Amino acid sequence: MAEYSTVCRNLCKILLVFRVLILIIIIWKNGIEKKRICWKRKSWRIL
């Protein structure tokens, strides 16, 4: 049973890391999209 509990803990840690990575990727992509929109608006103002 001891080995089983350690495996569960490791799986939980891996899942947490994956969730954090996915959140970071989503936030990063949203940030890039917002920057692109800002650049488009700036380019329109220049035109």
PDB file of N, CA and C in Angstrom:
ATOM      1  N   MET A   1       0.822  -1.208   0.000  1.00  0.00           N
ATOM      2  CA  MET A   1       0.000   0.000   0.000  1.00  0.00           C
ATOM      3  C   MET A   1       0.864   1.270   0.000  1.00  0.00           C
ATOM      4  N   ALA A   2       2.019   1.188   0.600  1.00  0.00           N
ATOM      5  CA  ALA A   2       2.903   2.362   0.679  1.00  0.00           C
ATOM      6  C   ALA A   2       3.329   2.796  -0.724  1.00  0.00           C
ATOM      7  N   GLU A   3       3.686   1.813  -1.558  1.00  0.00           N
ATOM      8  CA  GLU A   3       4.102   2.141  -2.935  1.00  0.00           C
ATOM      9  C   GLU A   3       2.953   2.779  -3.708  1.00  0.00           C
ATOM     10  N   TYR A   4       1.747   2.269  -3.505  1.00  0.00           N
ATOM     11  CA  TYR A   4       0.569   2.780  -4.206  1.00  0.00           C
ATOM     12  C   TYR A   4       0.328   4.250  -3.857  1.00  0.00           C
ATOM     13  N   SER A   5       0.458   4.597  -2.582  1.00  0.00           N
ATOM     14  CA  SER A   5       0.223   5.981  -2.154  1.00  0.00           C
ATOM     15  C   SER A   5       1.273   6.923  -2.757  1.00  0.00           C
ATOM     16  N   THR A   6       2.528   6.474  -2.850  1.00  0.00           N
ATOM     17  CA  THR A   6       3.578   7.324  -3.433  1.00  0.00           C
ATOM     18  C   THR A   6       3.288   7.546  -4.916  1.00  0.00           C
ATOM     19  N   VAL A   7       2.807   6.503  -5.586  1.00  0.00           N
ATOM     20  CA  VAL A   7       2.464   6.633  -7.015  1.00  0.00           C
ATOM     21  C   VAL A   7       1.349   7.659  -7.173  1.00  0.00           C
ATOM     22  N   CYS A   8       0.345   7.594  -6.321  1.00  0.00           N
ATOM     23  CA  CYS A   8      -0.771   8.550  -6.378  1.00  0.00           C
ATOM     24  C   CYS A   8      -0.265   9.970  -6.166  1.00  0.00           C
ATOM     25  N   ARG A   9       0.635  10.142  -5.203  1.00  0.00           N
ATOM     26  CA  ARG A   9       1.180  11.480  -4.929  1.00  0.00           C
ATOM     27  C   ARG A   9       1.937  11.999  -6.149  1.00  0.00           C
ATOM     28  N   ASN A  10       2.744  11.124  -6.759  1.00  0.00           N
ATOM     29  CA  ASN A  10       3.508  11.539  -7.945  1.00  0.00           C
ATOM     30  C   ASN A  10       2.565  11.915  -9.079  1.00  0.00           C
ATOM     31  N   LEU A  11       1.504  11.129  -9.260  1.00  0.00           N
ATOM     32  CA  LEU A  11       0.528  11.435 -10.317  1.00  0.00           C
ATOM     33  C   LEU A  11      -0.143  12.777 -10.056  1.00  0.00           C
ATOM     34  N   CYS A  12      -0.497  13.015  -8.794  1.00  0.00           N
ATOM     35  CA  CYS A  12      -1.133  14.295  -8.437  1.00  0.00           C
ATOM     36  C   CYS A  12      -0.184  15.457  -8.744  1.00  0.00           C
ATOM     37  N   LYS A  13       1.095  15.287  -8.408  1.00  0.00           N
ATOM     38  CA  LYS A  13       2.078  16.340  -8.675  1.00  0.00           C
ATOM     39  C   LYS A  13       2.187  16.594 -10.171  1.00  0.00           C
ATOM     40  N   ILE A  14       2.240  15.506 -10.961  1.00  0.00           N
ATOM     41  CA  ILE A  14       2.357  15.634 -12.422  1.00  0.00           C
ATOM     42  C   ILE A  14       1.126  16.353 -12.972  1.00  0.00           C
ATOM     43  N   LEU A  15      -0.065  15.982 -12.488  1.00  0.00           N
ATOM     44  CA  LEU A  15      -1.301  16.620 -12.956  1.00  0.00           C
ATOM     45  C   LEU A  15      -1.298  18.107 -12.625  1.00  0.00           C
ATOM     46  N   LEU A  16      -0.847  18.453 -11.418  1.00  0.00           N
ATOM     47  CA  LEU A  16      -0.787  19.868 -11.016  1.00  0.00           C
ATOM     48  C   LEU A  16       0.156  20.638 -11.935  1.00  0.00           C
ATOM     49  N   VAL A  17       1.322  20.043 -12.208  1.00  0.00           N
ATOM     50  CA  VAL A  17       2.297  20.697 -13.090  1.00  0.00           C
ATOM     51  C   VAL A  17       1.685  20.910 -14.473  1.00  0.00           C
ATOM     52  N   PHE A  18       0.984  19.883 -14.990  1.00  0.00           N
ATOM     53  CA  PHE A  18       0.357  20.001 -16.309  1.00  0.00           C
ATOM     54  C   PHE A  18      -0.685  21.118 -16.312  1.00  0.00           C
ATOM     55  N   ARG A  19      -1.494  21.187 -15.256  1.00  0.00           N
ATOM     56  CA  ARG A  19      -2.523  22.235 -15.185  1.00  0.00           C
ATOM     57  C   ARG A  19      -1.892  23.612 -15.194  1.00  0.00           C
ATOM     58  N   VAL A  20      -0.812  23.768 -14.420  1.00  0.00           N
ATOM     59  CA  VAL A  20      -0.122  25.064 -14.365  1.00  0.00           C
ATOM     60  C   VAL A  20       0.438  25.419 -15.737  1.00  0.00           C
ATOM     61  N   LEU A  21       1.057  24.435 -16.401  1.00  0.00           N
ATOM     62  CA  LEU A  21       1.637  24.676 -17.729  1.00  0.00           C
ATOM     63  C   LEU A  21       0.549  25.088 -18.721  1.00  0.00           C
ATOM     64  N   ILE A  22      -0.588  24.387 -18.686  1.00  0.00           N
ATOM     65  CA  ILE A  22      -1.691  24.705 -19.601  1.00  0.00           C
ATOM     66  C   ILE A  22      -2.195  26.124 -19.337  1.00  0.00           C
ATOM     67  N   LEU A  23      -2.329  26.480 -18.053  1.00  0.00           N
ATOM     68  CA  LEU A  23      -2.783  27.839 -17.708  1.00  0.00           C
ATOM     69  C   LEU A  23      -1.809  28.882 -18.232  1.00  0.00           C
ATOM     70  N   ILE A  24      -0.506  28.627 -18.050  1.00  0.00           N
ATOM     71  CA  ILE A  24       0.521  29.570 -18.523  1.00  0.00           C
ATOM     72  C   ILE A  24       0.436  29.722 -20.037  1.00  0.00           C
ATOM     73  N   ILE A  25       0.271  28.598 -20.744  1.00  0.00           N
ATOM     74  CA  ILE A  25       0.195  28.630 -22.213  1.00  0.00           C
ATOM     75  C   ILE A  25      -1.031  29.425 -22.648  1.00  0.00           C
ATOM     76  N   ILE A  26      -2.183  29.191 -21.994  1.00  0.00           N
ATOM     77  CA  ILE A  26      -3.419  29.901 -22.362  1.00  0.00           C
ATOM     78  C   ILE A  26      -3.249  31.401 -22.124  1.00  0.00           C
ATOM     79  N   ILE A  27      -2.710  31.770 -20.960  1.00  0.00           N
ATOM     80  CA  ILE A  27      -2.507  33.197 -20.640  1.00  0.00           C
ATOM     81  C   ILE A  27      -1.538  33.821 -21.645  1.00  0.00           C
ATOM     82  N   TRP A  28      -0.463  33.082 -21.977  1.00  0.00           N
ATOM     83  CA  TRP A  28       0.551  33.579 -22.914  1.00  0.00           C
ATOM     84  C   TRP A  28      -0.075  33.819 -24.280  1.00  0.00           C
ATOM     85  N   LYS A  29      -0.884  32.849 -24.763  1.00  0.00           N
ATOM     86  CA  LYS A  29      -1.535  32.997 -26.072  1.00  0.00           C
ATOM     87  C   LYS A  29      -2.493  34.179 -26.064  1.00  0.00           C
ATOM     88  N   ASN A  30      -3.265  34.334 -24.985  1.00  0.00           N
ATOM     89  CA  ASN A  30      -4.196  35.461 -24.873  1.00  0.00           C
ATOM     90  C   ASN A  30      -3.432  36.781 -24.910  1.00  0.00           C
ATOM     91  N   GLY A  31      -2.284  36.829 -24.212  1.00  0.00           N
ATOM     92  CA  GLY A  31      -1.455  38.030 -24.199  1.00  0.00           C
ATOM     93  C   GLY A  31      -0.971  38.380 -25.593  1.00  0.00           C
ATOM     94  N   ILE A  32      -0.532  37.374 -26.352  1.00  0.00           N
ATOM     95  CA  ILE A  32      -0.038  37.609 -27.722  1.00  0.00           C
ATOM     96  C   ILE A  32      -1.183  38.128 -28.586  1.00  0.00           C
ATOM     97  N   GLU A  33      -2.375  37.535 -28.450  1.00  0.00           N
ATOM     98  CA  GLU A  33      -3.518  37.976 -29.246  1.00  0.00           C
ATOM     99  C   GLU A  33      -3.880  39.421 -28.921  1.00  0.00           C
ATOM    100  N   LYS A  34      -3.837  39.782 -27.639  1.00  0.00           N
ATOM    101  CA  LYS A  34      -4.144  41.160 -27.249  1.00  0.00           C
ATOM    102  C   LYS A  34      -3.116  42.109 -27.838  1.00  0.00           C
ATOM    103  N   LYS A  35      -1.840  41.712 -27.821  1.00  0.00           N
ATOM    104  CA  LYS A  35      -0.785  42.550 -28.395  1.00  0.00           C
ATOM    105  C   LYS A  35      -1.017  42.730 -29.891  1.00  0.00           C
ATOM    106  N   ARG A  36      -1.419  41.655 -30.574  1.00  0.00           N
ATOM    107  CA  ARG A  36      -1.685  41.744 -32.018  1.00  0.00           C
ATOM    108  C   ARG A  36      -2.820  42.720 -32.285  1.00  0.00           C
ATOM    109  N   ILE A  37      -3.876  42.643 -31.464  1.00  0.00           N
ATOM    110  CA  ILE A  37      -5.018  43.559 -31.644  1.00  0.00           C
ATOM    111  C   ILE A  37      -4.544  44.996 -31.447  1.00  0.00           C
ATOM    112  N   CYS A  38      -3.714  45.212 -30.426  1.00  0.00           N
ATOM    113  CA  CYS A  38      -3.186  46.557 -30.178  1.00  0.00           C
ATOM    114  C   CYS A  38      -2.366  47.033 -31.374  1.00  0.00           C
ATOM    115  N   TRP A  39      -1.527  46.138 -31.912  1.00  0.00           N
ATOM    116  CA  TRP A  39      -0.714  46.512 -33.067  1.00  0.00           C
ATOM    117  C   TRP A  39      -1.603  46.859 -34.255  1.00  0.00           C
ATOM    118  N   LYS A  40      -2.681  46.090 -34.464  1.00  0.00           N
ATOM    119  CA  LYS A  40      -3.599  46.370 -35.566  1.00  0.00           C
ATOM    120  C   LYS A  40      -4.225  47.740 -35.384  1.00  0.00           C
ATOM    121  N   ARG A  41      -4.644  48.064 -34.165  1.00  0.00           N
ATOM    122  CA  ARG A  41      -5.265  49.363 -33.888  1.00  0.00           C
ATOM    123  C   ARG A  41      -4.268  50.486 -34.133  1.00  0.00           C
ATOM    124  N   LYS A  42      -3.014  50.274 -33.685  1.00  0.00           N
ATOM    125  CA  LYS A  42      -1.983  51.299 -33.884  1.00  0.00           C
ATOM    126  C   LYS A  42      -1.720  51.508 -35.369  1.00  0.00           C
ATOM    127  N   SER A  43      -1.656  50.394 -36.119  1.00  0.00           N
ATOM    128  CA  SER A  43      -1.400  50.511 -37.554  1.00  0.00           C
ATOM    129  C   SER A  43      -2.562  51.232 -38.241  1.00  0.00           C
ATOM    130  N   TRP A  44      -3.792  50.967 -37.780  1.00  0.00           N
ATOM    131  CA  TRP A  44      -4.943  51.665 -38.353  1.00  0.00           C
ATOM    132  C   TRP A  44      -4.857  53.163 -38.068  1.00  0.00           C
ATOM    133  N   ARG A  45      -4.420  53.521 -36.871  1.00  0.00           N
ATOM    134  CA  ARG A  45      -4.312  54.938 -36.511  1.00  0.00           C
ATOM    135  C   ARG A  45      -3.272  55.618 -37.396  1.00  0.00           C
ATOM    136  N   ILE A  46      -2.166  54.885 -37.678  1.00  0.00           N
ATOM    137  CA  ILE A  46      -1.113  55.454 -38.527  1.00  0.00           C
ATOM    138  C   ILE A  46      -1.668  55.675 -39.938  1.00  0.00           C
ATOM    139  N   LEU A  47      -2.440  54.683 -40.433  1.00  0.00           N
ATOM    140  CA  LEU A  47      -3.024  54.806 -41.766  1.00  0.00           C
ATOM    141  C   LEU A  47      -4.053  55.946 -41.773  1.00  0.00           C
TER     142      LEU A  47
END
